[in-house]
Amino acid sequence: MFTGLIGLMLCYACNKDRADIIPVAEFRVSPPNGVTTDSFSFDASYTDPGRQDDKPYFRWDWNNDGIWDGEYSRIPIVHHRFYAPGTHITKMEVINSSGLIDTTVVEIKVERGFSAPRANFSVSPQQGNFKTVFVFDASNTRDDEDSLESLQFRWDFRNTGFWNVGFNSSPIANHVYPDTGQYTILLEVQDPSKKISSKKAQIHVTNISPLLVADFDWTPKYGTTVDSFLFDASISHNKDENEIIYGYSWKFPPEYEWTEWTTEPTKYYRFGREVVYALELRIMDADGLVNYVKKEIQIYHENLPPNPEFRIGCSRGNIRTQFYFDSWPTLDLES
């Protein structure tokens, strides 16, 4: 934008008959003085751009250090916050569309203010079971005036109003939920000036274990409505070799309700219709953790024997007669 602005100024400079007027920079600050937690408003709309048809462009040096903190802009009102207490001198420069410039400064006294921390935390993992150790990490909490080490943290792992962990300097806490369900975690952070902020998050606790691998196969692989299928879940296993599979349960048609838990991994079943069925297996370890698998099986119709039929060309003859037999009327539903 600055390059285009320079080009516009050069164009005006080529006009010898034009009477250019220097702009008069002026801005006001609200509040005129404040604290480090204030957001100050800087209003440069009081600037006189020069000629009536001149357009002003503004830029700002918040600490008058000779380094402009942004490019020229047509926006006259901006906001800024001073994080360090002290006397701050802010400079504003205006340049009009004729290329003429003026600057002005304002002195602002900023005292130390105290703002509440910005509480924040992460959960790892975000979903687990009743044996999972959840880690709550509030290390990304920030405070404008105070370091992380000077903050105090406390935790309510069920959002019940009871603080499971009282105020302490550690931003990290661990917890195990003995029951399944949806839980809301509440964190409160307090700074040395006793200002407090809070943050909530939710986690889901299940009875599912990723260490359990549910799987099954069946024989015959391709069967019909008259076949009795043997379903075998003995290929299921626990990734933790020290743990064994404690129970098996199945969902079969037509009710699709879970069978009673059994330690037997095999199950016989016969299907009554020639369709694709979705079967489900769940397995359980000694702690009551489970996992699931679902598979589809295609059931074909029963392979019935053919219905033999034939015709004879002539029913009588002699020893020289050549008899003709036709079996084309024979039917087989599968052929």
C-alpha atoms as a PDB file:
ATOM      1  CA  MET A   1       0.000   0.000   0.000  1.00  0.00           C
ATOM      2  CA  PHE A   2       2.910   2.332   0.829  1.00  0.00           C
ATOM      3  CA  THR A   3       4.299   2.017  -2.740  1.00  0.00           C
ATOM      4  CA  GLY A   4       0.937   3.002  -4.217  1.00  0.00           C
ATOM      5  CA  LEU A   5       0.750   5.924  -1.813  1.00  0.00           C
ATOM      6  CA  ILE A   6       4.154   7.236  -2.959  1.00  0.00           C
ATOM      7  CA  GLY A   7       3.009   7.002  -6.572  1.00  0.00           C
ATOM      8  CA  LEU A   8      -0.100   9.008  -5.752  1.00  0.00           C
ATOM      9  CA  MET A   9       2.029  11.689  -4.095  1.00  0.00           C
ATOM     10  CA  LEU A  10       4.355  11.943  -7.096  1.00  0.00           C
ATOM     11  CA  CYS A  11       1.325  12.404  -9.319  1.00  0.00           C
ATOM     12  CA  TYR A  12       0.178  15.314  -7.176  1.00  0.00           C
ATOM     13  CA  ALA A  13       3.698  16.747  -7.123  1.00  0.00           C
ATOM     14  CA  CYS A  14       3.612  17.025 -10.931  1.00  0.00           C
ATOM     15  CA  ASN A  15       0.683  19.462 -10.671  1.00  0.00           C
ATOM     16  CA  LYS A  16       2.407  22.906 -10.553  1.00  0.00           C
ATOM     17  CA  ASP A  17      -0.840  24.840 -10.047  1.00  0.00           C
ATOM     18  CA  ARG A  18      -1.817  22.995  -6.869  1.00  0.00           C
ATOM     19  CA  ALA A  19      -1.388  24.819  -3.508  1.00  0.00           C
ATOM     20  CA  ASP A  20      -0.457  22.100  -1.043  1.00  0.00           C
ATOM     21  CA  ILE A  21      -1.165  22.473   2.675  1.00  0.00           C
ATOM     22  CA  ILE A  22       0.786  20.685   5.402  1.00  0.00           C
ATOM     23  CA  PRO A  23      -1.412  18.437   7.579  1.00  0.00           C
ATOM     24  CA  VAL A  24      -1.613  19.033  11.321  1.00  0.00           C
ATOM     25  CA  ALA A  25      -1.213  15.780  13.317  1.00  0.00           C
ATOM     26  CA  GLU A  26      -3.349  15.439  16.433  1.00  0.00           C
ATOM     27  CA  PHE A  27      -4.677  12.485  18.403  1.00  0.00           C
ATOM     28  CA  ARG A  28      -6.288  11.833  21.753  1.00  0.00           C
ATOM     29  CA  VAL A  29      -5.885   8.907  24.115  1.00  0.00           C
ATOM     30  CA  SER A  30      -8.598   7.274  26.196  1.00  0.00           C
ATOM     31  CA  PRO A  31      -8.051   6.821  29.048  1.00  0.00           C
ATOM     32  CA  PRO A  32      -5.362   9.529  29.145  1.00  0.00           C
ATOM     33  CA  ASN A  33      -3.486   7.534  31.809  1.00  0.00           C
ATOM     34  CA  GLY A  34      -4.083   4.033  33.107  1.00  0.00           C
ATOM     35  CA  VAL A  35      -2.695   0.696  34.162  1.00  0.00           C
ATOM     36  CA  THR A  36      -1.068  -2.205  32.347  1.00  0.00           C
ATOM     37  CA  THR A  37      -4.367  -4.070  32.098  1.00  0.00           C
ATOM     38  CA  ASP A  38      -6.056  -1.235  30.165  1.00  0.00           C
ATOM     39  CA  SER A  39      -6.586  -1.215  26.431  1.00  0.00           C
ATOM     40  CA  PHE A  40      -5.916   2.367  25.347  1.00  0.00           C
ATOM     41  CA  SER A  41      -7.827   3.913  22.447  1.00  0.00           C
ATOM     42  CA  PHE A  42      -5.854   6.234  20.138  1.00  0.00           C
ATOM     43  CA  ASP A  43      -8.049   8.531  18.048  1.00  0.00           C
ATOM     44  CA  ALA A  44      -6.317  10.419  15.206  1.00  0.00           C
ATOM     45  CA  SER A  45      -9.564  11.700  13.671  1.00  0.00           C
ATOM     46  CA  TYR A  46      -8.728  15.125  15.168  1.00  0.00           C
ATOM     47  CA  THR A  47      -5.942  15.474  12.567  1.00  0.00           C
ATOM     48  CA  ASP A  48      -6.308  18.203   9.921  1.00  0.00           C
ATOM     49  CA  PRO A  49      -5.326  16.537   6.598  1.00  0.00           C
ATOM     50  CA  GLY A  50      -4.401  19.835   4.850  1.00  0.00           C
ATOM     51  CA  ARG A  51      -6.415  20.537   1.709  1.00  0.00           C
ATOM     52  CA  GLN A  52     -10.107  19.705   1.839  1.00  0.00           C
ATOM     53  CA  ASP A  53      -9.682  16.941  -0.727  1.00  0.00           C
ATOM     54  CA  ASP A  54      -6.541  15.475   0.882  1.00  0.00           C
ATOM     55  CA  LYS A  55      -6.754  12.048   2.482  1.00  0.00           C
ATOM     56  CA  PRO A  56      -4.725  11.361   5.654  1.00  0.00           C
ATOM     57  CA  TYR A  57      -2.771   8.151   6.308  1.00  0.00           C
ATOM     58  CA  PHE A  58      -1.543   7.295   9.806  1.00  0.00           C
ATOM     59  CA  ARG A  59       1.179   5.200  11.393  1.00  0.00           C
ATOM     60  CA  TRP A  60       2.210   4.713  15.020  1.00  0.00           C
ATOM     61  CA  ASP A  61       5.344   4.325  17.126  1.00  0.00           C
ATOM     62  CA  TRP A  62       4.033   3.186  20.497  1.00  0.00           C
ATOM     63  CA  ASN A  63       7.232   3.785  22.496  1.00  0.00           C
ATOM     64  CA  ASN A  64       8.815   6.545  20.398  1.00  0.00           C
ATOM     65  CA  ASP A  65      11.838   4.328  19.763  1.00  0.00           C
ATOM     66  CA  GLY A  66      12.167   5.331  16.107  1.00  0.00           C
ATOM     67  CA  ILE A  67      10.698   2.050  14.868  1.00  0.00           C
ATOM     68  CA  TRP A  68       7.224   2.286  13.374  1.00  0.00           C
ATOM     69  CA  ASP A  69       4.950  -0.449  14.654  1.00  0.00           C
ATOM     70  CA  GLY A  70       2.900  -0.716  11.466  1.00  0.00           C
ATOM     71  CA  GLU A  71       2.382   0.549   7.934  1.00  0.00           C
ATOM     72  CA  TYR A  72       0.378   3.631   6.958  1.00  0.00           C
ATOM     73  CA  SER A  73      -3.359   3.128   7.297  1.00  0.00           C
ATOM     74  CA  ARG A  74      -6.518   5.153   6.617  1.00  0.00           C
ATOM     75  CA  ILE A  75      -7.985   3.907   9.911  1.00  0.00           C
ATOM     76  CA  PRO A  76      -7.802   6.781  12.450  1.00  0.00           C
ATOM     77  CA  ILE A  77      -8.725   4.841  15.614  1.00  0.00           C
ATOM     78  CA  VAL A  78      -6.519   2.045  16.941  1.00  0.00           C
ATOM     79  CA  HIS A  79      -6.068   0.269  20.285  1.00  0.00           C
ATOM     80  CA  HIS A  80      -2.934  -0.664  22.159  1.00  0.00           C
ATOM     81  CA  ARG A  81      -1.994  -2.122  25.528  1.00  0.00           C
ATOM     82  CA  PHE A  82       1.195  -1.322  27.453  1.00  0.00           C
ATOM     83  CA  TYR A  83       2.358  -4.354  29.416  1.00  0.00           C
ATOM     84  CA  ALA A  84       5.178  -2.563  31.240  1.00  0.00           C
ATOM     85  CA  PRO A  85       4.490   0.200  33.776  1.00  0.00           C
ATOM     86  CA  GLY A  86       6.122   3.595  33.315  1.00  0.00           C
ATOM     87  CA  THR A  87       5.822   6.719  31.206  1.00  0.00           C
ATOM     88  CA  HIS A  88       5.230   5.870  27.562  1.00  0.00           C
ATOM     89  CA  ILE A  89       5.621   8.422  24.762  1.00  0.00           C
ATOM     90  CA  THR A  90       3.593   7.514  21.700  1.00  0.00           C
ATOM     91  CA  LYS A  91       4.260   9.139  18.330  1.00  0.00           C
ATOM     92  CA  MET A  92       1.793   9.388  15.466  1.00  0.00           C
ATOM     93  CA  GLU A  93       2.752  10.406  11.940  1.00  0.00           C
ATOM     94  CA  VAL A  94       0.277  11.569   9.313  1.00  0.00           C
ATOM     95  CA  ILE A  95       0.982  11.837   5.617  1.00  0.00           C
ATOM     96  CA  ASN A  96      -1.595  13.273   3.263  1.00  0.00           C
ATOM     97  CA  SER A  97      -2.234  12.453  -0.374  1.00  0.00           C
ATOM     98  CA  SER A  98      -0.106  15.476  -1.352  1.00  0.00           C
ATOM     99  CA  GLY A  99       2.899  13.770   0.271  1.00  0.00           C
ATOM    100  CA  LEU A 100       3.189  16.224   3.150  1.00  0.00           C
ATOM    101  CA  ILE A 101       3.955  14.911   6.657  1.00  0.00           C
ATOM    102  CA  ASP A 102       3.461  15.967  10.251  1.00  0.00           C
ATOM    103  CA  THR A 103       4.065  14.164  13.552  1.00  0.00           C
ATOM    104  CA  THR A 104       2.987  14.582  17.149  1.00  0.00           C
ATOM    105  CA  VAL A 105       3.552  12.786  20.434  1.00  0.00           C
ATOM    106  CA  VAL A 106       1.531  12.163  23.585  1.00  0.00           C
ATOM    107  CA  GLU A 107       2.857  11.133  26.983  1.00  0.00           C
ATOM    108  CA  ILE A 108       0.937   8.407  28.831  1.00  0.00           C
ATOM    109  CA  LYS A 109       1.543   7.343  32.428  1.00  0.00           C
ATOM    110  CA  VAL A 110       0.942   3.629  32.950  1.00  0.00           C
ATOM    111  CA  GLU A 111       0.919   2.068  36.404  1.00  0.00           C
ATOM    112  CA  ARG A 112       1.126  -1.598  37.268  1.00  0.00           C
ATOM    113  CA  GLY A 113      -2.212  -3.336  36.889  1.00  0.00           C
ATOM    114  CA  PHE A 114      -3.075  -6.867  37.842  1.00  0.00           C
ATOM    115  CA  SER A 115      -5.154  -9.083  35.576  1.00  0.00           C
ATOM    116  CA  ALA A 116      -6.378 -12.581  36.241  1.00  0.00           C
ATOM    117  CA  PRO A 117      -4.470 -15.483  34.692  1.00  0.00           C
ATOM    118  CA  ARG A 118      -5.744 -16.995  31.451  1.00  0.00           C
ATOM    119  CA  ALA A 119      -6.372 -20.562  32.590  1.00  0.00           C
ATOM    120  CA  ASN A 120      -5.915 -23.270  30.005  1.00  0.00           C
ATOM    121  CA  PHE A 121      -5.119 -26.974  30.033  1.00  0.00           C
ATOM    122  CA  SER A 122      -4.924 -30.070  27.855  1.00  0.00           C
ATOM    123  CA  VAL A 123      -6.052 -33.637  28.566  1.00  0.00           C
ATOM    124  CA  SER A 124      -4.154 -36.736  27.478  1.00  0.00           C
ATOM    125  CA  PRO A 125      -5.655 -38.984  26.335  1.00  0.00           C
ATOM    126  CA  GLN A 126      -8.988 -37.302  25.582  1.00  0.00           C
ATOM    127  CA  GLN A 127     -10.800 -40.639  25.831  1.00  0.00           C
ATOM    128  CA  GLY A 128      -9.981 -43.732  27.864  1.00  0.00           C
ATOM    129  CA  ASN A 129     -11.360 -46.405  30.164  1.00  0.00           C
ATOM    130  CA  PHE A 130     -11.596 -46.856  33.931  1.00  0.00           C
ATOM    131  CA  LYS A 131      -7.947 -48.017  34.103  1.00  0.00           C
ATOM    132  CA  THR A 132      -6.589 -45.071  32.099  1.00  0.00           C
ATOM    133  CA  VAL A 133      -4.373 -42.562  33.892  1.00  0.00           C
ATOM    134  CA  PHE A 134      -5.539 -39.201  32.529  1.00  0.00           C
ATOM    135  CA  VAL A 135      -2.934 -36.426  32.557  1.00  0.00           C
ATOM    136  CA  PHE A 136      -4.143 -32.821  32.919  1.00  0.00           C
ATOM    137  CA  ASP A 137      -1.530 -30.267  31.904  1.00  0.00           C
ATOM    138  CA  ALA A 138      -2.083 -26.543  32.560  1.00  0.00           C
ATOM    139  CA  SER A 139       1.420 -25.507  31.471  1.00  0.00           C
ATOM    140  CA  ASN A 140      -0.041 -23.392  28.667  1.00  0.00           C
ATOM    141  CA  THR A 141      -1.767 -21.109  31.217  1.00  0.00           C
ATOM    142  CA  ARG A 142      -0.594 -17.511  30.836  1.00  0.00           C
ATOM    143  CA  ASP A 143      -0.546 -14.401  33.045  1.00  0.00           C
ATOM    144  CA  ASP A 144       0.402 -10.938  31.810  1.00  0.00           C
ATOM    145  CA  GLU A 145       2.169  -9.956  35.026  1.00  0.00           C
ATOM    146  CA  ASP A 146       3.326 -13.197  36.610  1.00  0.00           C
ATOM    147  CA  SER A 147       5.367 -16.225  35.595  1.00  0.00           C
ATOM    148  CA  LEU A 148       3.965 -19.731  35.398  1.00  0.00           C
ATOM    149  CA  GLU A 149       6.045 -20.707  38.427  1.00  0.00           C
ATOM    150  CA  SER A 150       4.299 -18.085  40.599  1.00  0.00           C
ATOM    151  CA  LEU A 151       0.772 -19.362  39.804  1.00  0.00           C
ATOM    152  CA  GLN A 152      -1.289 -21.795  41.891  1.00  0.00           C
ATOM    153  CA  PHE A 153      -3.458 -24.561  40.407  1.00  0.00           C
ATOM    154  CA  ARG A 154      -6.311 -26.659  41.777  1.00  0.00           C
ATOM    155  CA  TRP A 155      -8.526 -29.309  40.182  1.00  0.00           C
ATOM    156  CA  ASP A 156     -12.094 -30.603  40.461  1.00  0.00           C
ATOM    157  CA  PHE A 157     -12.108 -33.744  38.306  1.00  0.00           C
ATOM    158  CA  ARG A 158     -15.918 -34.158  38.340  1.00  0.00           C
ATOM    159  CA  ASN A 159     -17.054 -30.506  38.521  1.00  0.00           C
ATOM    160  CA  THR A 160     -18.935 -31.252  41.743  1.00  0.00           C
ATOM    161  CA  GLY A 161     -17.611 -28.369  43.842  1.00  0.00           C
ATOM    162  CA  PHE A 162     -15.157 -30.632  45.663  1.00  0.00           C
ATOM    163  CA  TRP A 163     -11.518 -29.881  44.927  1.00  0.00           C
ATOM    164  CA  ASN A 164      -9.683 -33.167  44.429  1.00  0.00           C
ATOM    165  CA  VAL A 165      -6.358 -31.314  44.312  1.00  0.00           C
ATOM    166  CA  GLY A 166      -5.946 -28.091  46.290  1.00  0.00           C
ATOM    167  CA  PHE A 167      -3.956 -25.027  45.253  1.00  0.00           C
ATOM    168  CA  ASN A 168      -0.332 -25.903  44.555  1.00  0.00           C
ATOM    169  CA  SER A 169       2.424 -24.779  42.198  1.00  0.00           C
ATOM    170  CA  SER A 170       2.339 -27.819  39.893  1.00  0.00           C
ATOM    171  CA  PRO A 171       0.405 -27.264  36.630  1.00  0.00           C
ATOM    172  CA  ILE A 172       0.157 -31.043  36.034  1.00  0.00           C
ATOM    173  CA  ALA A 173      -2.219 -33.485  37.713  1.00  0.00           C
ATOM    174  CA  ASN A 174      -3.220 -37.138  37.150  1.00  0.00           C
ATOM    175  CA  HIS A 175      -6.495 -38.918  37.792  1.00  0.00           C
ATOM    176  CA  VAL A 176      -8.139 -42.310  37.210  1.00  0.00           C
ATOM    177  CA  TYR A 177     -11.943 -42.516  36.894  1.00  0.00           C
ATOM    178  CA  PRO A 178     -13.286 -45.805  38.359  1.00  0.00           C
ATOM    179  CA  ASP A 179     -16.648 -45.510  36.577  1.00  0.00           C
ATOM    180  CA  THR A 180     -17.641 -45.001  32.963  1.00  0.00           C
ATOM    181  CA  GLY A 181     -19.385 -41.811  31.875  1.00  0.00           C
ATOM    182  CA  GLN A 182     -18.954 -38.240  30.674  1.00  0.00           C
ATOM    183  CA  TYR A 183     -16.965 -36.058  33.071  1.00  0.00           C
ATOM    184  CA  THR A 184     -16.373 -32.293  33.261  1.00  0.00           C
ATOM    185  CA  ILE A 185     -13.026 -31.181  34.672  1.00  0.00           C
ATOM    186  CA  LEU A 186     -12.696 -27.782  36.341  1.00  0.00           C
ATOM    187  CA  LEU A 187      -9.365 -26.010  36.711  1.00  0.00           C
ATOM    188  CA  GLU A 188      -8.830 -22.839  38.765  1.00  0.00           C
ATOM    189  CA  VAL A 189      -5.647 -20.788  38.559  1.00  0.00           C
ATOM    190  CA  GLN A 190      -4.700 -18.112  41.103  1.00  0.00           C
ATOM    191  CA  ASP A 191      -1.952 -15.496  40.757  1.00  0.00           C
ATOM    192  CA  PRO A 192       0.003 -13.826  43.616  1.00  0.00           C
ATOM    193  CA  SER A 193      -2.553 -10.969  43.746  1.00  0.00           C
ATOM    194  CA  LYS A 194      -5.286 -13.586  44.441  1.00  0.00           C
ATOM    195  CA  LYS A 195      -6.966 -13.061  41.081  1.00  0.00           C
ATOM    196  CA  ILE A 196      -8.525 -16.297  39.806  1.00  0.00           C
ATOM    197  CA  SER A 197      -9.633 -17.640  36.450  1.00  0.00           C
ATOM    198  CA  SER A 198     -11.070 -21.024  35.525  1.00  0.00           C
ATOM    199  CA  LYS A 199     -11.293 -23.415  32.606  1.00  0.00           C
ATOM    200  CA  LYS A 200     -13.480 -26.465  31.945  1.00  0.00           C
ATOM    201  CA  ALA A 201     -13.104 -29.440  29.619  1.00  0.00           C
ATOM    202  CA  GLN A 202     -14.866 -32.768  29.108  1.00  0.00           C
ATOM    203  CA  ILE A 203     -13.643 -36.334  28.730  1.00  0.00           C
ATOM    204  CA  HIS A 204     -15.419 -39.621  28.003  1.00  0.00           C
ATOM    205  CA  VAL A 205     -14.587 -42.683  30.089  1.00  0.00           C
ATOM    206  CA  THR A 206     -15.627 -46.042  28.602  1.00  0.00           C
ATOM    207  CA  ASN A 207     -15.113 -49.727  29.373  1.00  0.00           C
ATOM    208  CA  ILE A 208     -13.370 -50.337  26.038  1.00  0.00           C
ATOM    209  CA  SER A 209      -9.743 -51.503  26.007  1.00  0.00           C
ATOM    210  CA  PRO A 210      -7.623 -50.982  22.876  1.00  0.00           C
ATOM    211  CA  LEU A 211      -5.407 -53.827  24.122  1.00  0.00           C
ATOM    212  CA  LEU A 212      -8.222 -56.321  23.478  1.00  0.00           C
ATOM    213  CA  VAL A 213      -8.427 -57.515  19.860  1.00  0.00           C
ATOM    214  CA  ALA A 214     -11.780 -59.147  19.138  1.00  0.00           C
ATOM    215  CA  ASP A 215     -11.878 -61.426  16.070  1.00  0.00           C
ATOM    216  CA  PHE A 216     -13.637 -64.574  14.870  1.00  0.00           C
ATOM    217  CA  ASP A 217     -13.941 -66.916  11.908  1.00  0.00           C
ATOM    218  CA  TRP A 218     -16.465 -69.582  10.867  1.00  0.00           C
ATOM    219  CA  THR A 219     -16.862 -72.867   9.038  1.00  0.00           C
ATOM    220  CA  PRO A 220     -18.084 -73.641   6.488  1.00  0.00           C
ATOM    221  CA  LYS A 221     -16.841 -70.446   4.902  1.00  0.00           C
ATOM    222  CA  TYR A 222     -19.683 -70.494   2.353  1.00  0.00           C
ATOM    223  CA  GLY A 223     -22.826 -72.171   3.618  1.00  0.00           C
ATOM    224  CA  THR A 224     -26.566 -72.419   3.168  1.00  0.00           C
ATOM    225  CA  THR A 225     -29.681 -72.310   5.297  1.00  0.00           C
ATOM    226  CA  VAL A 226     -29.326 -76.029   6.100  1.00  0.00           C
ATOM    227  CA  ASP A 227     -25.745 -75.760   7.332  1.00  0.00           C
ATOM    228  CA  SER A 228     -24.818 -75.454  10.989  1.00  0.00           C
ATOM    229  CA  PHE A 229     -22.055 -72.878  11.224  1.00  0.00           C
ATOM    230  CA  LEU A 230     -19.309 -73.062  13.812  1.00  0.00           C
ATOM    231  CA  PHE A 231     -18.174 -69.608  14.926  1.00  0.00           C
ATOM    232  CA  ASP A 232     -14.767 -69.559  16.583  1.00  0.00           C
ATOM    233  CA  ALA A 233     -13.467 -66.541  18.528  1.00  0.00           C
ATOM    234  CA  SER A 234     -10.313 -68.216  19.811  1.00  0.00           C
ATOM    235  CA  ILE A 235      -8.236 -66.002  17.507  1.00  0.00           C
ATOM    236  CA  SER A 236      -9.174 -63.055  19.742  1.00  0.00           C
ATOM    237  CA  HIS A 237      -6.314 -61.987  21.957  1.00  0.00           C
ATOM    238  CA  ASN A 238      -4.969 -59.431  24.419  1.00  0.00           C
ATOM    239  CA  LYS A 239      -1.953 -57.379  23.354  1.00  0.00           C
ATOM    240  CA  ASP A 240      -0.818 -57.580  26.954  1.00  0.00           C
ATOM    241  CA  GLU A 241       0.450 -61.157  26.958  1.00  0.00           C
ATOM    242  CA  ASN A 242       0.014 -61.404  30.734  1.00  0.00           C
ATOM    243  CA  GLU A 243      -3.753 -60.981  30.436  1.00  0.00           C
ATOM    244  CA  ILE A 244      -6.211 -63.612  29.235  1.00  0.00           C
ATOM    245  CA  ILE A 245      -9.638 -63.345  27.640  1.00  0.00           C
ATOM    246  CA  TYR A 246     -12.189 -63.871  30.379  1.00  0.00           C
ATOM    247  CA  GLY A 247     -15.463 -64.003  28.430  1.00  0.00           C
ATOM    248  CA  TYR A 248     -17.166 -64.060  25.029  1.00  0.00           C
ATOM    249  CA  SER A 249     -20.611 -62.826  24.006  1.00  0.00           C
ATOM    250  CA  TRP A 250     -22.370 -62.826  20.611  1.00  0.00           C
ATOM    251  CA  LYS A 251     -25.123 -61.031  18.722  1.00  0.00           C
ATOM    252  CA  PHE A 252     -27.071 -63.285  16.330  1.00  0.00           C
ATOM    253  CA  PRO A 253     -30.296 -62.720  14.372  1.00  0.00           C
ATOM    254  CA  PRO A 254     -33.184 -62.318  14.595  1.00  0.00           C
ATOM    255  CA  GLU A 255     -33.180 -60.650  18.052  1.00  0.00           C
ATOM    256  CA  TYR A 256     -29.629 -59.284  17.838  1.00  0.00           C
ATOM    257  CA  GLU A 257     -29.339 -59.297  21.627  1.00  0.00           C
ATOM    258  CA  TRP A 258     -26.127 -60.093  23.439  1.00  0.00           C
ATOM    259  CA  THR A 259     -25.811 -63.673  24.625  1.00  0.00           C
ATOM    260  CA  GLU A 260     -24.754 -64.428  28.172  1.00  0.00           C
ATOM    261  CA  TRP A 261     -21.039 -64.207  28.857  1.00  0.00           C
ATOM    262  CA  THR A 262     -19.234 -67.520  28.505  1.00  0.00           C
ATOM    263  CA  THR A 263     -15.648 -68.691  28.682  1.00  0.00           C
ATOM    264  CA  GLU A 264     -16.246 -70.868  25.604  1.00  0.00           C
ATOM    265  CA  PRO A 265     -14.959 -69.147  22.431  1.00  0.00           C
ATOM    266  CA  THR A 266     -17.044 -71.241  19.986  1.00  0.00           C
ATOM    267  CA  LYS A 267     -20.710 -71.084  19.078  1.00  0.00           C
ATOM    268  CA  TYR A 268     -22.922 -73.048  16.643  1.00  0.00           C
ATOM    269  CA  TYR A 269     -25.667 -71.268  14.741  1.00  0.00           C
ATOM    270  CA  ARG A 270     -27.990 -71.962  11.776  1.00  0.00           C
ATOM    271  CA  PHE A 271     -29.522 -69.202   9.652  1.00  0.00           C
ATOM    272  CA  GLY A 272     -33.066 -69.347   8.317  1.00  0.00           C
ATOM    273  CA  ARG A 273     -32.895 -66.916   5.399  1.00  0.00           C
ATOM    274  CA  GLU A 274     -30.733 -66.417   2.330  1.00  0.00           C
ATOM    275  CA  VAL A 275     -29.432 -62.913   3.129  1.00  0.00           C
ATOM    276  CA  VAL A 276     -26.330 -61.128   4.390  1.00  0.00           C
ATOM    277  CA  TYR A 277     -26.181 -61.056   8.183  1.00  0.00           C
ATOM    278  CA  ALA A 278     -24.118 -58.703  10.380  1.00  0.00           C
ATOM    279  CA  LEU A 279     -22.752 -60.587  13.378  1.00  0.00           C
ATOM    280  CA  GLU A 280     -21.046 -59.047  16.395  1.00  0.00           C
ATOM    281  CA  LEU A 281     -18.653 -60.393  18.994  1.00  0.00           C
ATOM    282  CA  ARG A 282     -17.532 -58.800  22.243  1.00  0.00           C
ATOM    283  CA  ILE A 283     -14.762 -60.051  24.493  1.00  0.00           C
ATOM    284  CA  MET A 284     -13.927 -59.184  28.090  1.00  0.00           C
ATOM    285  CA  ASP A 285     -10.825 -59.360  30.249  1.00  0.00           C
ATOM    286  CA  ALA A 286     -10.610 -60.094  33.959  1.00  0.00           C
ATOM    287  CA  ASP A 287     -11.000 -56.388  34.850  1.00  0.00           C
ATOM    288  CA  GLY A 288     -14.286 -56.054  32.955  1.00  0.00           C
ATOM    289  CA  LEU A 289     -12.819 -54.143  30.012  1.00  0.00           C
ATOM    290  CA  VAL A 290     -14.258 -55.088  26.625  1.00  0.00           C
ATOM    291  CA  ASN A 291     -13.822 -54.652  22.911  1.00  0.00           C
ATOM    292  CA  TYR A 292     -15.969 -55.411  19.896  1.00  0.00           C
ATOM    293  CA  VAL A 293     -15.833 -56.592  16.303  1.00  0.00           C
ATOM    294  CA  LYS A 294     -18.544 -56.829  13.647  1.00  0.00           C
ATOM    295  CA  LYS A 295     -18.452 -58.993  10.505  1.00  0.00           C
ATOM    296  CA  GLU A 296     -20.843 -59.892   7.685  1.00  0.00           C
ATOM    297  CA  ILE A 297     -21.695 -63.385   6.461  1.00  0.00           C
ATOM    298  CA  GLN A 298     -23.485 -64.312   3.205  1.00  0.00           C
ATOM    299  CA  ILE A 299     -25.988 -67.181   3.524  1.00  0.00           C
ATOM    300  CA  TYR A 300     -26.894 -68.998   0.306  1.00  0.00           C
ATOM    301  CA  HIS A 301     -29.979 -71.086  -0.465  1.00  0.00           C
ATOM    302  CA  GLU A 302     -29.955 -74.845   0.039  1.00  0.00           C
ATOM    303  CA  ASN A 303     -28.448 -76.818  -2.853  1.00  0.00           C
ATOM    304  CA  LEU A 304     -31.317 -79.215  -3.665  1.00  0.00           C
ATOM    305  CA  PRO A 305     -30.826 -82.302  -5.865  1.00  0.00           C
ATOM    306  CA  PRO A 306     -31.940 -82.002  -9.523  1.00  0.00           C
ATOM    307  CA  ASN A 307     -35.402 -83.183 -10.590  1.00  0.00           C
ATOM    308  CA  PRO A 308     -34.694 -85.863 -13.270  1.00  0.00           C
ATOM    309  CA  GLU A 309     -37.060 -86.134 -16.243  1.00  0.00           C
ATOM    310  CA  PHE A 310     -36.723 -87.585 -19.732  1.00  0.00           C
ATOM    311  CA  ARG A 311     -38.768 -88.444 -22.817  1.00  0.00           C
ATOM    312  CA  ILE A 312     -38.610 -91.478 -25.147  1.00  0.00           C
ATOM    313  CA  GLY A 313     -38.931 -90.989 -28.888  1.00  0.00           C
ATOM    314  CA  CYS A 314     -40.972 -94.197 -29.328  1.00  0.00           C
ATOM    315  CA  SER A 315     -42.162 -96.597 -26.664  1.00  0.00           C
ATOM    316  CA  ARG A 316     -42.059 -99.718 -28.824  1.00  0.00           C
ATOM    317  CA  GLY A 317     -39.704-101.244 -31.329  1.00  0.00           C
ATOM    318  CA  ASN A 318     -37.717-104.269 -32.353  1.00  0.00           C
ATOM    319  CA  ILE A 319     -34.130-105.265 -32.234  1.00  0.00           C
ATOM    320  CA  ARG A 320     -33.331-102.906 -35.098  1.00  0.00           C
ATOM    321  CA  THR A 321     -35.138 -99.920 -33.628  1.00  0.00           C
ATOM    322  CA  GLN A 322     -32.937 -97.021 -32.518  1.00  0.00           C
ATOM    323  CA  PHE A 323     -34.593 -95.550 -29.476  1.00  0.00           C
ATOM    324  CA  TYR A 324     -34.272 -91.822 -28.743  1.00  0.00           C
ATOM    325  CA  PHE A 325     -34.102 -90.597 -25.124  1.00  0.00           C
ATOM    326  CA  ASP A 326     -34.414 -86.858 -24.301  1.00  0.00           C
ATOM    327  CA  SER A 327     -33.461 -85.596 -20.783  1.00  0.00           C
ATOM    328  CA  TRP A 328     -33.894 -81.899 -21.501  1.00  0.00           C
ATOM    329  CA  PRO A 329     -36.954 -81.661 -19.166  1.00  0.00           C
ATOM    330  CA  THR A 330     -34.637 -82.350 -16.192  1.00  0.00           C
ATOM    331  CA  LEU A 331     -34.509 -79.305 -13.865  1.00  0.00           C
ATOM    332  CA  ASP A 332     -31.933 -78.086 -11.357  1.00  0.00           C
ATOM    333  CA  LEU A 333     -32.690 -74.853  -9.521  1.00  0.00           C
ATOM    334  CA  GLU A 334     -28.973 -74.116  -9.024  1.00  0.00           C
ATOM    335  CA  SER A 335     -27.954 -74.649 -12.663  1.00  0.00           C
END
